[in-house]
Amino acid sequence: MVYGLFLVSGLAVGSLYALGGIGLVILRNSTGVLNFAYGAIAAASAMCAWQVAEWGLPGVLSWFSAIAVGIGLSVAYGRLISPALAWREPAVKAIATLGYMLILLGLVGFLWEDALRKISLPSDKIAVTVLGVRVTVTRIIAFTVSIGAVIGMVQYLHRSHTGLNMRALADNRDHAALLGIPIVKTEALAWGISGALAGFTGLIFGSLVRLEPTVITFMVIPATAAAICGRLTSLPMTLVGGLFIGVVESMLTLYRPAAPLRTMAPFVIAALVILWMQRGQKLTFAKEA
């Protein structure tokens, strides 16, 4: 029973890590940008949703506000800053998003003082029993949306005209422009999709875990680890990686001596995946025999 509870909790949180990784992979494969500001966008979105609810507005508006803010903040960076760095090295693009992360985190800290908060969703009060374990609908939503996002985006990228444009843009920006692909529009769409996933992730994270901007911001670390499990290209493997990281973190809390090490799980898992992927390959600086 206890193991079942922690397994369910791990799958729910792992679903959020997977959604974060999916958003990172989609954006990187379309624009070449590894967005370290993803968690900060999710945090700002969650705080806006909480504020809308505090104003007494309908809950549906607060949920949609989280997704709208996520899209707005993501597209704002994609339209105003990212184009100026389009021909820079991947490392430069990634470091620039770190600056955006700090700006958003500082802005959130300025607008909302540090306090205990939580987003309450109607689905938190509804639960079903699965194999003797009580599972809230919020956790089920997180899990099903992560799977649905993978299936939907794989189909979208491979079958839709816009999805093919995004893949072409990822392969070669200059060649895509020569083929007449609308670069700005396609990139804005990729930033928008990633931002929508960030907004939803922040909203659910604020309900399932806690609504603390710093914690949500640094959720980008396990999300990046999940993306690495998918080699920054595979959405299904990113999903598996995120779920696995969430379950490992949750299960480590059951063993008290290992509980303080649970934050290491994303790094260790990502490192092991990298070593596995590099097996049998010769380092570029290795000497010829």
C-alpha atoms as a PDB file:
ATOM      1  CA  MET A   1       0.000   0.000   0.000  1.00  0.00           C
ATOM      2  CA  VAL A   2       2.755   2.434   0.977  1.00  0.00           C
ATOM      3  CA  TYR A   3       4.784   1.580  -2.103  1.00  0.00           C
ATOM      4  CA  GLY A   4       1.704   2.079  -4.232  1.00  0.00           C
ATOM      5  CA  LEU A   5       1.154   5.570  -2.837  1.00  0.00           C
ATOM      6  CA  PHE A   6       4.737   6.595  -3.542  1.00  0.00           C
ATOM      7  CA  LEU A   7       4.596   5.012  -6.981  1.00  0.00           C
ATOM      8  CA  VAL A   8       1.488   7.028  -7.860  1.00  0.00           C
ATOM      9  CA  SER A   9       3.073  10.193  -6.492  1.00  0.00           C
ATOM     10  CA  GLY A  10       6.255   9.523  -8.456  1.00  0.00           C
ATOM     11  CA  LEU A  11       4.365   8.937 -11.684  1.00  0.00           C
ATOM     12  CA  ALA A  12       2.427  12.181 -11.220  1.00  0.00           C
ATOM     13  CA  VAL A  13       5.509  14.308 -10.585  1.00  0.00           C
ATOM     14  CA  GLY A  14       7.410  12.382 -13.248  1.00  0.00           C
ATOM     15  CA  SER A  15       4.661  13.287 -15.705  1.00  0.00           C
ATOM     16  CA  LEU A  16       5.407  16.956 -15.035  1.00  0.00           C
ATOM     17  CA  TYR A  17       9.125  16.356 -15.568  1.00  0.00           C
ATOM     18  CA  ALA A  18       8.230  14.601 -18.815  1.00  0.00           C
ATOM     19  CA  LEU A  19       6.019  17.500 -19.941  1.00  0.00           C
ATOM     20  CA  GLY A  20       8.888  19.871 -19.231  1.00  0.00           C
ATOM     21  CA  GLY A  21      11.260  17.681 -21.206  1.00  0.00           C
ATOM     22  CA  ILE A  22       8.787  17.457 -24.081  1.00  0.00           C
ATOM     23  CA  GLY A  23       8.525  21.246 -24.199  1.00  0.00           C
ATOM     24  CA  LEU A  24      12.320  21.531 -24.240  1.00  0.00           C
ATOM     25  CA  VAL A  25      12.741  18.928 -26.981  1.00  0.00           C
ATOM     26  CA  ILE A  26      10.059  20.442 -29.230  1.00  0.00           C
ATOM     27  CA  LEU A  27      11.618  23.879 -28.950  1.00  0.00           C
ATOM     28  CA  ARG A  28      15.194  22.700 -29.419  1.00  0.00           C
ATOM     29  CA  ASN A  29      14.307  20.590 -32.446  1.00  0.00           C
ATOM     30  CA  SER A  30      12.550  23.558 -34.041  1.00  0.00           C
ATOM     31  CA  THR A  31      14.773  26.498 -33.107  1.00  0.00           C
ATOM     32  CA  GLY A  32      18.011  24.997 -31.780  1.00  0.00           C
ATOM     33  CA  VAL A  33      17.458  26.669 -28.391  1.00  0.00           C
ATOM     34  CA  LEU A  34      17.698  24.744 -25.133  1.00  0.00           C
ATOM     35  CA  ASN A  35      15.438  26.935 -23.014  1.00  0.00           C
ATOM     36  CA  PHE A  36      16.647  27.012 -19.404  1.00  0.00           C
ATOM     37  CA  ALA A  37      13.983  29.650 -18.677  1.00  0.00           C
ATOM     38  CA  TYR A  38      11.283  26.993 -19.083  1.00  0.00           C
ATOM     39  CA  GLY A  39      10.858  26.527 -15.333  1.00  0.00           C
ATOM     40  CA  ALA A  40      10.710  30.286 -14.703  1.00  0.00           C
ATOM     41  CA  ILE A  41       7.973  30.603 -17.342  1.00  0.00           C
ATOM     42  CA  ALA A  42       6.072  27.812 -15.573  1.00  0.00           C
ATOM     43  CA  ALA A  43       6.530  29.551 -12.211  1.00  0.00           C
ATOM     44  CA  ALA A  44       5.280  32.912 -13.490  1.00  0.00           C
ATOM     45  CA  SER A  45       2.301  31.192 -15.116  1.00  0.00           C
ATOM     46  CA  ALA A  46       1.389  29.383 -11.902  1.00  0.00           C
ATOM     47  CA  MET A  47       1.619  32.576  -9.856  1.00  0.00           C
ATOM     48  CA  CYS A  48      -0.638  34.413 -12.298  1.00  0.00           C
ATOM     49  CA  ALA A  49      -3.184  31.584 -12.081  1.00  0.00           C
ATOM     50  CA  TRP A  50      -3.089  31.803  -8.286  1.00  0.00           C
ATOM     51  CA  GLN A  51      -3.550  35.579  -8.412  1.00  0.00           C
ATOM     52  CA  VAL A  52      -6.551  35.329 -10.726  1.00  0.00           C
ATOM     53  CA  ALA A  53      -8.122  32.825  -8.332  1.00  0.00           C
ATOM     54  CA  GLU A  54      -7.396  35.151  -5.387  1.00  0.00           C
ATOM     55  CA  TRP A  55      -9.308  37.914  -7.167  1.00  0.00           C
ATOM     56  CA  GLY A  56     -12.346  35.671  -6.990  1.00  0.00           C
ATOM     57  CA  LEU A  57     -12.645  35.112 -10.718  1.00  0.00           C
ATOM     58  CA  PRO A  58     -13.934  31.757 -12.027  1.00  0.00           C
ATOM     59  CA  GLY A  59     -11.498  28.891 -11.740  1.00  0.00           C
ATOM     60  CA  VAL A  60     -11.568  28.261 -15.474  1.00  0.00           C
ATOM     61  CA  LEU A  61     -10.156  31.753 -16.066  1.00  0.00           C
ATOM     62  CA  SER A  62      -7.269  31.118 -13.671  1.00  0.00           C
ATOM     63  CA  TRP A  63      -6.382  27.883 -15.462  1.00  0.00           C
ATOM     64  CA  PHE A  64      -6.503  29.483 -18.889  1.00  0.00           C
ATOM     65  CA  SER A  65      -4.500  32.436 -17.594  1.00  0.00           C
ATOM     66  CA  ALA A  66      -1.646  30.075 -16.698  1.00  0.00           C
ATOM     67  CA  ILE A  67      -1.486  28.745 -20.251  1.00  0.00           C
ATOM     68  CA  ALA A  68      -1.918  32.220 -21.760  1.00  0.00           C
ATOM     69  CA  VAL A  69       0.878  33.698 -19.641  1.00  0.00           C
ATOM     70  CA  GLY A  70       3.130  30.751 -20.516  1.00  0.00           C
ATOM     71  CA  ILE A  71       2.523  31.282 -24.215  1.00  0.00           C
ATOM     72  CA  GLY A  72       3.004  35.046 -23.908  1.00  0.00           C
ATOM     73  CA  LEU A  73       6.295  34.879 -22.015  1.00  0.00           C
ATOM     74  CA  SER A  74       7.676  32.173 -24.275  1.00  0.00           C
ATOM     75  CA  VAL A  75       6.679  33.846 -27.546  1.00  0.00           C
ATOM     76  CA  ALA A  76       7.972  37.207 -26.254  1.00  0.00           C
ATOM     77  CA  TYR A  77      11.455  35.737 -25.914  1.00  0.00           C
ATOM     78  CA  GLY A  78      11.139  33.874 -29.203  1.00  0.00           C
ATOM     79  CA  ARG A  79      10.173  37.019 -31.130  1.00  0.00           C
ATOM     80  CA  LEU A  80      12.187  39.724 -29.371  1.00  0.00           C
ATOM     81  CA  ILE A  81      15.449  38.096 -28.276  1.00  0.00           C
ATOM     82  CA  SER A  82      15.939  34.727 -29.920  1.00  0.00           C
ATOM     83  CA  PRO A  83      16.105  35.976 -33.570  1.00  0.00           C
ATOM     84  CA  ALA A  84      19.130  38.129 -32.722  1.00  0.00           C
ATOM     85  CA  LEU A  85      20.953  34.976 -31.575  1.00  0.00           C
ATOM     86  CA  ALA A  86      19.815  32.723 -34.408  1.00  0.00           C
ATOM     87  CA  TRP A  87      23.290  32.308 -35.910  1.00  0.00           C
ATOM     88  CA  ARG A  88      25.165  32.060 -32.624  1.00  0.00           C
ATOM     89  CA  GLU A  89      26.515  28.871 -31.068  1.00  0.00           C
ATOM     90  CA  PRO A  90      24.066  26.605 -29.181  1.00  0.00           C
ATOM     91  CA  ALA A  91      25.871  27.352 -25.899  1.00  0.00           C
ATOM     92  CA  VAL A  92      25.348  31.095 -26.371  1.00  0.00           C
ATOM     93  CA  LYS A  93      21.640  30.567 -27.063  1.00  0.00           C
ATOM     94  CA  ALA A  94      21.262  28.444 -23.925  1.00  0.00           C
ATOM     95  CA  ILE A  95      23.130  30.929 -21.709  1.00  0.00           C
ATOM     96  CA  ALA A  96      20.901  33.739 -22.976  1.00  0.00           C
ATOM     97  CA  THR A  97      17.850  31.865 -21.704  1.00  0.00           C
ATOM     98  CA  LEU A  98      19.512  31.688 -18.276  1.00  0.00           C
ATOM     99  CA  GLY A  99      19.452  35.483 -18.253  1.00  0.00           C
ATOM    100  CA  TYR A 100      15.760  35.429 -19.120  1.00  0.00           C
ATOM    101  CA  MET A 101      15.196  32.945 -16.301  1.00  0.00           C
ATOM    102  CA  LEU A 102      16.810  35.312 -13.774  1.00  0.00           C
ATOM    103  CA  ILE A 103      14.740  38.238 -15.063  1.00  0.00           C
ATOM    104  CA  LEU A 104      11.487  36.302 -14.699  1.00  0.00           C
ATOM    105  CA  LEU A 105      12.433  34.935 -11.282  1.00  0.00           C
ATOM    106  CA  GLY A 106      13.292  38.444 -10.082  1.00  0.00           C
ATOM    107  CA  LEU A 107      10.049  39.840 -11.500  1.00  0.00           C
ATOM    108  CA  VAL A 108       7.993  37.144  -9.769  1.00  0.00           C
ATOM    109  CA  GLY A 109       9.800  37.844  -6.494  1.00  0.00           C
ATOM    110  CA  PHE A 110       9.055  41.554  -6.885  1.00  0.00           C
ATOM    111  CA  LEU A 111       5.342  41.051  -7.582  1.00  0.00           C
ATOM    112  CA  TRP A 112       4.654  38.359  -4.980  1.00  0.00           C
ATOM    113  CA  GLU A 113       6.244  38.134  -1.548  1.00  0.00           C
ATOM    114  CA  ASP A 114       7.489  34.780  -0.333  1.00  0.00           C
ATOM    115  CA  ALA A 115       4.657  32.918   1.411  1.00  0.00           C
ATOM    116  CA  LEU A 116       3.027  29.509   1.617  1.00  0.00           C
ATOM    117  CA  ARG A 117       0.575  29.122  -1.251  1.00  0.00           C
ATOM    118  CA  LYS A 118      -1.178  26.331  -3.090  1.00  0.00           C
ATOM    119  CA  ILE A 119      -3.332  26.143  -6.183  1.00  0.00           C
ATOM    120  CA  SER A 120      -6.574  24.277  -5.511  1.00  0.00           C
ATOM    121  CA  LEU A 121      -8.140  22.518  -8.463  1.00  0.00           C
ATOM    122  CA  PRO A 122     -11.584  20.864  -8.471  1.00  0.00           C
ATOM    123  CA  SER A 123      -9.899  17.665  -9.643  1.00  0.00           C
ATOM    124  CA  ASP A 124      -7.956  17.536  -6.348  1.00  0.00           C
ATOM    125  CA  LYS A 125     -11.148  16.585  -4.525  1.00  0.00           C
ATOM    126  CA  ILE A 126     -12.139  13.807  -6.912  1.00  0.00           C
ATOM    127  CA  ALA A 127     -10.360  10.471  -6.694  1.00  0.00           C
ATOM    128  CA  VAL A 128     -10.583   6.921  -7.904  1.00  0.00           C
ATOM    129  CA  THR A 129      -9.165   3.783  -6.353  1.00  0.00           C
ATOM    130  CA  VAL A 130      -6.644   1.847  -8.429  1.00  0.00           C
ATOM    131  CA  LEU A 131      -5.386  -1.444  -6.952  1.00  0.00           C
ATOM    132  CA  GLY A 132      -6.222  -0.204  -3.483  1.00  0.00           C
ATOM    133  CA  VAL A 133      -4.509   3.153  -3.940  1.00  0.00           C
ATOM    134  CA  ARG A 134      -6.459   6.426  -3.952  1.00  0.00           C
ATOM    135  CA  VAL A 135      -5.502   8.454  -7.021  1.00  0.00           C
ATOM    136  CA  THR A 136      -6.756  12.007  -7.486  1.00  0.00           C
ATOM    137  CA  VAL A 137      -8.031  13.089 -10.878  1.00  0.00           C
ATOM    138  CA  THR A 138      -5.337  15.805 -10.965  1.00  0.00           C
ATOM    139  CA  ARG A 139      -2.665  13.108 -10.969  1.00  0.00           C
ATOM    140  CA  ILE A 140      -4.518  11.209 -13.656  1.00  0.00           C
ATOM    141  CA  ILE A 141      -4.735  14.376 -15.745  1.00  0.00           C
ATOM    142  CA  ALA A 142      -0.990  14.990 -15.401  1.00  0.00           C
ATOM    143  CA  PHE A 143      -0.225  11.423 -16.502  1.00  0.00           C
ATOM    144  CA  THR A 144      -2.673  11.318 -19.414  1.00  0.00           C
ATOM    145  CA  VAL A 145      -1.708  14.772 -20.710  1.00  0.00           C
ATOM    146  CA  SER A 146       1.971  13.787 -20.793  1.00  0.00           C
ATOM    147  CA  ILE A 147       1.145  10.694 -22.852  1.00  0.00           C
ATOM    148  CA  GLY A 148      -1.276  12.635 -25.024  1.00  0.00           C
ATOM    149  CA  ALA A 149       1.319  15.355 -25.620  1.00  0.00           C
ATOM    150  CA  VAL A 150       3.810  12.787 -26.909  1.00  0.00           C
ATOM    151  CA  ILE A 151       1.326  11.059 -29.202  1.00  0.00           C
ATOM    152  CA  GLY A 152      -0.136  14.322 -30.444  1.00  0.00           C
ATOM    153  CA  MET A 153       3.200  16.039 -31.106  1.00  0.00           C
ATOM    154  CA  VAL A 154       4.702  13.006 -32.856  1.00  0.00           C
ATOM    155  CA  GLN A 155       1.712  12.913 -35.202  1.00  0.00           C
ATOM    156  CA  TYR A 156       1.768  16.680 -35.630  1.00  0.00           C
ATOM    157  CA  LEU A 157       5.469  16.861 -36.472  1.00  0.00           C
ATOM    158  CA  HIS A 158       5.306  13.992 -38.971  1.00  0.00           C
ATOM    159  CA  ARG A 159       1.942  14.529 -40.642  1.00  0.00           C
ATOM    160  CA  SER A 160       1.020  18.224 -40.602  1.00  0.00           C
ATOM    161  CA  HIS A 161       2.423  20.800 -43.011  1.00  0.00           C
ATOM    162  CA  THR A 162       3.439  23.120 -40.169  1.00  0.00           C
ATOM    163  CA  GLY A 163       5.060  20.250 -38.318  1.00  0.00           C
ATOM    164  CA  LEU A 164       7.138  19.403 -41.368  1.00  0.00           C
ATOM    165  CA  ASN A 165       8.160  23.069 -41.557  1.00  0.00           C
ATOM    166  CA  MET A 166       9.339  22.906 -37.951  1.00  0.00           C
ATOM    167  CA  ARG A 167      11.414  19.815 -38.668  1.00  0.00           C
ATOM    168  CA  ALA A 168      12.911  21.424 -41.773  1.00  0.00           C
ATOM    169  CA  LEU A 169      13.763  24.527 -39.775  1.00  0.00           C
ATOM    170  CA  ALA A 170      15.528  22.395 -37.190  1.00  0.00           C
ATOM    171  CA  ASP A 171      17.644  20.698 -39.872  1.00  0.00           C
ATOM    172  CA  ASN A 172      18.898  23.890 -41.515  1.00  0.00           C
ATOM    173  CA  ARG A 173      17.555  27.404 -40.989  1.00  0.00           C
ATOM    174  CA  ASP A 174      19.102  28.842 -44.170  1.00  0.00           C
ATOM    175  CA  HIS A 175      17.868  26.041 -46.407  1.00  0.00           C
ATOM    176  CA  ALA A 176      14.402  26.287 -44.857  1.00  0.00           C
ATOM    177  CA  ALA A 177      14.302  29.988 -45.723  1.00  0.00           C
ATOM    178  CA  LEU A 178      15.360  29.259 -49.309  1.00  0.00           C
ATOM    179  CA  LEU A 179      12.494  26.775 -49.592  1.00  0.00           C
ATOM    180  CA  GLY A 180      10.048  29.512 -48.674  1.00  0.00           C
ATOM    181  CA  ILE A 181       9.259  28.309 -45.150  1.00  0.00           C
ATOM    182  CA  PRO A 182       8.034  31.226 -42.980  1.00  0.00           C
ATOM    183  CA  ILE A 183      10.830  31.233 -40.417  1.00  0.00           C
ATOM    184  CA  VAL A 184       9.391  33.770 -37.971  1.00  0.00           C
ATOM    185  CA  LYS A 185       5.912  32.241 -37.974  1.00  0.00           C
ATOM    186  CA  THR A 186       7.209  28.697 -37.579  1.00  0.00           C
ATOM    187  CA  GLU A 187       9.544  29.641 -34.733  1.00  0.00           C
ATOM    188  CA  ALA A 188       6.790  31.603 -32.978  1.00  0.00           C
ATOM    189  CA  LEU A 189       4.564  28.526 -33.167  1.00  0.00           C
ATOM    190  CA  ALA A 190       7.279  26.364 -31.582  1.00  0.00           C
ATOM    191  CA  TRP A 191       7.788  28.898 -28.789  1.00  0.00           C
ATOM    192  CA  GLY A 192       4.026  29.039 -28.285  1.00  0.00           C
ATOM    193  CA  ILE A 193       3.640  25.268 -27.977  1.00  0.00           C
ATOM    194  CA  SER A 194       6.522  25.108 -25.519  1.00  0.00           C
ATOM    195  CA  GLY A 195       5.048  28.000 -23.528  1.00  0.00           C
ATOM    196  CA  ALA A 196       1.611  26.363 -23.365  1.00  0.00           C
ATOM    197  CA  LEU A 197       3.183  23.200 -21.950  1.00  0.00           C
ATOM    198  CA  ALA A 198       5.144  25.316 -19.442  1.00  0.00           C
ATOM    199  CA  GLY A 199       2.002  27.094 -18.288  1.00  0.00           C
ATOM    200  CA  PHE A 200       0.095  23.848 -17.829  1.00  0.00           C
ATOM    201  CA  THR A 201       3.053  22.237 -16.063  1.00  0.00           C
ATOM    202  CA  GLY A 202       3.372  25.141 -13.632  1.00  0.00           C
ATOM    203  CA  LEU A 203      -0.346  25.034 -12.874  1.00  0.00           C
ATOM    204  CA  ILE A 204      -0.386  21.313 -12.068  1.00  0.00           C
ATOM    205  CA  PHE A 205       2.925  21.512 -10.191  1.00  0.00           C
ATOM    206  CA  GLY A 206       1.486  24.240  -7.972  1.00  0.00           C
ATOM    207  CA  SER A 207      -1.400  21.918  -7.145  1.00  0.00           C
ATOM    208  CA  LEU A 208       0.395  18.592  -6.745  1.00  0.00           C
ATOM    209  CA  VAL A 209       3.603  19.740  -5.057  1.00  0.00           C
ATOM    210  CA  ARG A 210       3.737  23.348  -3.882  1.00  0.00           C
ATOM    211  CA  LEU A 211       3.400  26.808  -5.297  1.00  0.00           C
ATOM    212  CA  GLU A 212       6.888  28.172  -4.738  1.00  0.00           C
ATOM    213  CA  PRO A 213       8.428  30.059  -7.686  1.00  0.00           C
ATOM    214  CA  THR A 214      12.009  28.990  -6.970  1.00  0.00           C
ATOM    215  CA  VAL A 215      11.074  25.304  -6.717  1.00  0.00           C
ATOM    216  CA  ILE A 216       9.056  25.436  -9.943  1.00  0.00           C
ATOM    217  CA  THR A 217      11.827  27.383 -11.708  1.00  0.00           C
ATOM    218  CA  PHE A 218      14.426  24.743 -10.967  1.00  0.00           C
ATOM    219  CA  MET A 219      12.078  22.026 -12.142  1.00  0.00           C
ATOM    220  CA  VAL A 220      13.907  22.671 -15.428  1.00  0.00           C
ATOM    221  CA  ILE A 221      16.766  20.525 -14.077  1.00  0.00           C
ATOM    222  CA  PRO A 222      14.877  17.188 -13.978  1.00  0.00           C
ATOM    223  CA  ALA A 223      13.031  18.266 -17.140  1.00  0.00           C
ATOM    224  CA  THR A 224      16.382  18.695 -18.890  1.00  0.00           C
ATOM    225  CA  ALA A 225      17.486  15.313 -17.547  1.00  0.00           C
ATOM    226  CA  ALA A 226      14.332  13.784 -19.032  1.00  0.00           C
ATOM    227  CA  ALA A 227      15.121  15.458 -22.362  1.00  0.00           C
ATOM    228  CA  ILE A 228      18.647  14.041 -22.222  1.00  0.00           C
ATOM    229  CA  CYS A 229      17.158  10.575 -21.708  1.00  0.00           C
ATOM    230  CA  GLY A 230      15.464  11.166 -25.054  1.00  0.00           C
ATOM    231  CA  ARG A 231      18.764  12.362 -26.555  1.00  0.00           C
ATOM    232  CA  LEU A 232      17.095  15.767 -27.008  1.00  0.00           C
ATOM    233  CA  THR A 233      15.281  14.330 -30.027  1.00  0.00           C
ATOM    234  CA  SER A 234      12.933  11.493 -29.010  1.00  0.00           C
ATOM    235  CA  LEU A 235       9.638  12.502 -27.398  1.00  0.00           C
ATOM    236  CA  PRO A 236       8.664   8.933 -26.326  1.00  0.00           C
ATOM    237  CA  MET A 237      12.006   8.385 -24.610  1.00  0.00           C
ATOM    238  CA  THR A 238      11.726  11.800 -22.964  1.00  0.00           C
ATOM    239  CA  LEU A 239       8.386  10.668 -21.526  1.00  0.00           C
ATOM    240  CA  VAL A 240       9.917   7.437 -20.230  1.00  0.00           C
ATOM    241  CA  GLY A 241      12.871   9.340 -18.771  1.00  0.00           C
ATOM    242  CA  GLY A 242      10.648  11.843 -16.960  1.00  0.00           C
ATOM    243  CA  LEU A 243       8.433   9.143 -15.467  1.00  0.00           C
ATOM    244  CA  PHE A 244      11.450   7.112 -14.387  1.00  0.00           C
ATOM    245  CA  ILE A 245      13.091  10.108 -12.695  1.00  0.00           C
ATOM    246  CA  GLY A 246       9.882  10.927 -10.845  1.00  0.00           C
ATOM    247  CA  VAL A 247       9.446   7.355  -9.600  1.00  0.00           C
ATOM    248  CA  VAL A 248      13.087   7.057  -8.488  1.00  0.00           C
ATOM    249  CA  GLU A 249      12.866  10.348  -6.569  1.00  0.00           C
ATOM    250  CA  SER A 250       9.672   9.233  -4.878  1.00  0.00           C
ATOM    251  CA  MET A 251      10.920   5.779  -3.959  1.00  0.00           C
ATOM    252  CA  LEU A 252      14.136   7.155  -2.459  1.00  0.00           C
ATOM    253  CA  THR A 253      12.095   8.955   0.179  1.00  0.00           C
ATOM    254  CA  LEU A 254      11.017   5.555   1.536  1.00  0.00           C
ATOM    255  CA  TYR A 255      14.600   4.737   2.505  1.00  0.00           C
ATOM    256  CA  ARG A 256      15.572   7.333   5.087  1.00  0.00           C
ATOM    257  CA  PRO A 257      19.388   7.208   4.610  1.00  0.00           C
ATOM    258  CA  ALA A 258      18.917   7.779   0.856  1.00  0.00           C
ATOM    259  CA  ALA A 259      16.184  10.431   1.148  1.00  0.00           C
ATOM    260  CA  PRO A 260      18.631  13.385   1.146  1.00  0.00           C
ATOM    261  CA  LEU A 261      20.071  12.050  -2.123  1.00  0.00           C
ATOM    262  CA  ARG A 262      16.772  12.175  -4.015  1.00  0.00           C
ATOM    263  CA  THR A 263      17.694  15.514  -5.601  1.00  0.00           C
ATOM    264  CA  MET A 264      20.689  13.794  -7.195  1.00  0.00           C
ATOM    265  CA  ALA A 265      18.493  11.340  -9.085  1.00  0.00           C
ATOM    266  CA  PRO A 266      18.025  13.465 -12.252  1.00  0.00           C
ATOM    267  CA  PHE A 267      21.775  14.110 -12.555  1.00  0.00           C
ATOM    268  CA  VAL A 268      22.747  10.483 -11.943  1.00  0.00           C
ATOM    269  CA  ILE A 269      20.135   9.109 -14.344  1.00  0.00           C
ATOM    270  CA  ALA A 270      21.072  11.629 -17.054  1.00  0.00           C
ATOM    271  CA  ALA A 271      24.778  10.828 -16.607  1.00  0.00           C
ATOM    272  CA  LEU A 272      24.127   7.089 -16.882  1.00  0.00           C
ATOM    273  CA  VAL A 273      22.061   7.622 -20.020  1.00  0.00           C
ATOM    274  CA  ILE A 274      24.842   9.717 -21.580  1.00  0.00           C
ATOM    275  CA  LEU A 275      27.427   7.043 -20.757  1.00  0.00           C
ATOM    276  CA  TRP A 276      25.152   4.369 -22.248  1.00  0.00           C
ATOM    277  CA  MET A 277      24.639   6.384 -25.433  1.00  0.00           C
ATOM    278  CA  GLN A 278      28.383   6.958 -25.790  1.00  0.00           C
ATOM    279  CA  ARG A 279      29.334   3.311 -25.312  1.00  0.00           C
ATOM    280  CA  GLY A 280      31.698   2.005 -27.977  1.00  0.00           C
ATOM    281  CA  GLN A 281      32.413   5.472 -29.333  1.00  0.00           C
ATOM    282  CA  LYS A 282      35.900   6.931 -29.430  1.00  0.00           C
ATOM    283  CA  LEU A 283      36.430  10.329 -27.878  1.00  0.00           C
ATOM    284  CA  THR A 284      37.297  13.024 -30.423  1.00  0.00           C
ATOM    285  CA  PHE A 285      40.540  13.796 -28.604  1.00  0.00           C
ATOM    286  CA  ALA A 286      41.614  10.165 -28.260  1.00  0.00           C
ATOM    287  CA  LYS A 287      44.818   9.202 -30.015  1.00  0.00           C
ATOM    288  CA  GLU A 288      44.772   6.718 -32.819  1.00  0.00           C
ATOM    289  CA  ALA A 289      46.127   3.338 -31.845  1.00  0.00           C
END
